[in-house]
Amino acid sequence: MIKNIPALAEYYRVYLVDLPGFGALRRRRFVLAEAASWLATWMEAAGLDKTHLVSHSMGGYVCLGLATRGPEAVRRLVLVATASIAAGRPLFGHLVPFLSTARRAVPSFLPILAHDV
């Protein structure tokens, strides 16, 4: 996302937020179930309300959670390749998407893909 900041900053005030467990906050423990609440608390502390949120991958999942729990805090969402969690899907249910993706992946990416699955 950092490459998009200069273009966005021409029109908006931009905050690049590190969730606990990532970036400057990497020494803190990341808990996905708590990430949306953490972001809401951060936004409140920063004095932000009715905010545009732009996010990628897991950040999109977190922002969707924030918008679902507190829609009054979100003006617009821009989600890029948003991650999703398939609740209740058995382990076998992940196999077909994994194999489909693995078939098209370069060999060096397979360990990363396997770890994510």
Protein backbone atom coordinates (compact mmCIF):
# COMPACT_ATOMS: atom_id res chain seq x y z
CA MET A 1 0.00 0.00 0.00
CA ILE A 2 2.91 2.35 0.64
CA LYS A 3 3.34 2.96 -3.09
CA ASN A 4 -0.22 4.34 -3.28
CA ILE A 5 0.20 6.92 -0.53
CA PRO A 6 1.65 9.80 -2.62
CA ALA A 7 -1.26 9.68 -5.08
CA LEU A 8 -3.88 9.42 -2.34
CA ALA A 9 -2.22 12.14 -0.26
CA GLU A 10 -2.80 14.65 -3.05
CA TYR A 11 -6.52 14.53 -2.22
CA TYR A 12 -6.84 13.05 1.29
CA ARG A 13 -5.14 12.96 4.66
CA VAL A 14 -3.59 9.50 4.69
CA TYR A 15 -2.68 7.28 7.63
CA LEU A 16 -0.70 4.10 7.05
CA VAL A 17 -1.72 1.94 9.99
CA ASP A 18 0.27 -1.05 11.22
CA LEU A 19 -1.87 -3.58 13.03
CA PRO A 20 -0.39 -5.24 16.12
CA GLY A 21 2.00 -7.94 14.94
CA PHE A 22 3.04 -6.08 11.77
CA GLY A 23 5.40 -3.27 10.80
CA ALA A 24 6.31 -1.00 13.69
CA LEU A 25 4.02 -3.05 15.97
CA ARG A 26 5.46 -6.45 15.03
CA ARG A 27 6.56 -7.16 18.62
CA ARG A 28 2.92 -7.18 19.73
CA ARG A 29 0.74 -10.26 19.37
CA PHE A 30 -1.70 -10.27 16.44
CA VAL A 31 -5.18 -11.68 17.05
CA LEU A 32 -7.38 -11.55 13.95
CA ALA A 33 -10.59 -11.67 15.99
CA GLU A 34 -9.52 -8.50 17.83
CA ALA A 35 -8.09 -6.54 14.88
CA ALA A 36 -11.28 -4.66 13.91
CA SER A 37 -11.81 -3.56 17.51
CA TRP A 38 -8.18 -2.49 17.75
CA LEU A 39 -8.57 -0.43 14.55
CA ALA A 40 -11.77 1.19 15.86
CA THR A 41 -9.98 2.12 19.08
CA TRP A 42 -7.05 3.55 17.10
CA MET A 43 -9.40 5.60 14.90
CA GLU A 44 -11.16 6.99 17.97
CA ALA A 45 -7.82 7.90 19.59
CA ALA A 46 -6.75 9.62 16.36
CA GLY A 47 -10.00 11.59 16.30
CA LEU A 48 -11.21 10.00 13.06
CA ASP A 49 -14.86 9.43 12.26
CA LYS A 50 -16.70 8.61 9.03
CA THR A 51 -13.42 7.60 7.43
CA HIS A 52 -12.56 6.26 3.99
CA LEU A 53 -10.70 2.97 4.41
CA VAL A 54 -8.43 1.54 1.74
CA SER A 55 -7.05 -1.90 2.41
CA HIS A 56 -5.50 -4.98 0.89
CA SER A 57 -5.74 -8.67 1.66
CA MET A 58 -6.12 -9.31 5.39
CA GLY A 59 -6.51 -5.56 5.99
CA GLY A 60 -9.64 -5.77 3.87
CA TYR A 61 -10.99 -8.50 6.11
CA VAL A 62 -10.28 -6.32 9.16
CA CYS A 63 -11.93 -3.25 7.59
CA LEU A 64 -14.99 -5.30 6.63
CA GLY A 65 -15.24 -6.37 10.25
CA LEU A 66 -14.99 -2.76 11.37
CA ALA A 67 -17.65 -1.64 8.90
CA THR A 68 -19.96 -4.47 9.94
CA ARG A 69 -19.66 -3.79 13.67
CA GLY A 70 -19.61 -0.01 13.45
CA PRO A 71 -20.89 1.28 10.10
CA GLU A 72 -21.10 4.80 11.51
CA ALA A 73 -17.27 4.91 11.51
CA VAL A 74 -16.87 4.16 7.80
CA ARG A 75 -17.70 6.45 4.90
CA ARG A 76 -16.31 4.32 2.06
CA LEU A 77 -14.39 1.07 1.70
CA VAL A 78 -11.86 0.36 -1.04
CA LEU A 79 -10.93 -3.30 -0.82
CA VAL A 80 -8.16 -4.82 -2.93
CA ALA A 81 -7.90 -8.61 -3.11
CA THR A 82 -9.65 -8.92 0.23
CA ALA A 83 -9.05 -12.02 2.30
CA SER A 84 -12.00 -13.97 3.59
CA ILE A 85 -12.41 -16.65 6.20
CA ALA A 86 -14.59 -19.57 5.26
CA ALA A 87 -16.21 -20.32 8.60
CA GLY A 88 -17.04 -23.93 9.15
CA ARG A 89 -15.28 -25.18 6.04
CA PRO A 90 -13.61 -28.54 6.72
CA LEU A 91 -9.90 -28.89 6.00
CA PHE A 92 -10.72 -30.91 2.87
CA GLY A 93 -12.74 -27.92 1.59
CA HIS A 94 -9.50 -25.94 1.32
CA LEU A 95 -7.82 -28.60 -0.81
CA VAL A 96 -9.47 -27.84 -4.17
CA PRO A 97 -8.75 -24.05 -4.08
CA PHE A 98 -5.20 -24.81 -2.92
CA LEU A 99 -4.56 -27.25 -5.75
CA SER A 100 -6.12 -24.91 -8.28
CA THR A 101 -3.85 -22.06 -7.20
CA ALA A 102 -0.78 -24.28 -6.79
CA ARG A 103 -1.16 -25.49 -10.38
CA ARG A 104 -0.54 -21.95 -11.65
CA ALA A 105 2.05 -20.85 -9.06
CA VAL A 106 5.79 -20.67 -9.48
CA PRO A 107 7.53 -23.36 -7.40
CA SER A 108 9.12 -20.83 -5.01
CA PHE A 109 5.63 -19.62 -4.02
CA LEU A 110 4.33 -23.07 -3.01
CA PRO A 111 5.70 -23.03 0.58
CA ILE A 112 4.06 -19.64 1.18
CA LEU A 113 0.77 -20.87 -0.26
CA ALA A 114 0.90 -24.05 1.81
CA HIS A 115 1.56 -22.04 4.98
CA ASP A 116 -1.40 -19.74 4.25
CA VAL A 117 -3.73 -22.67 3.67
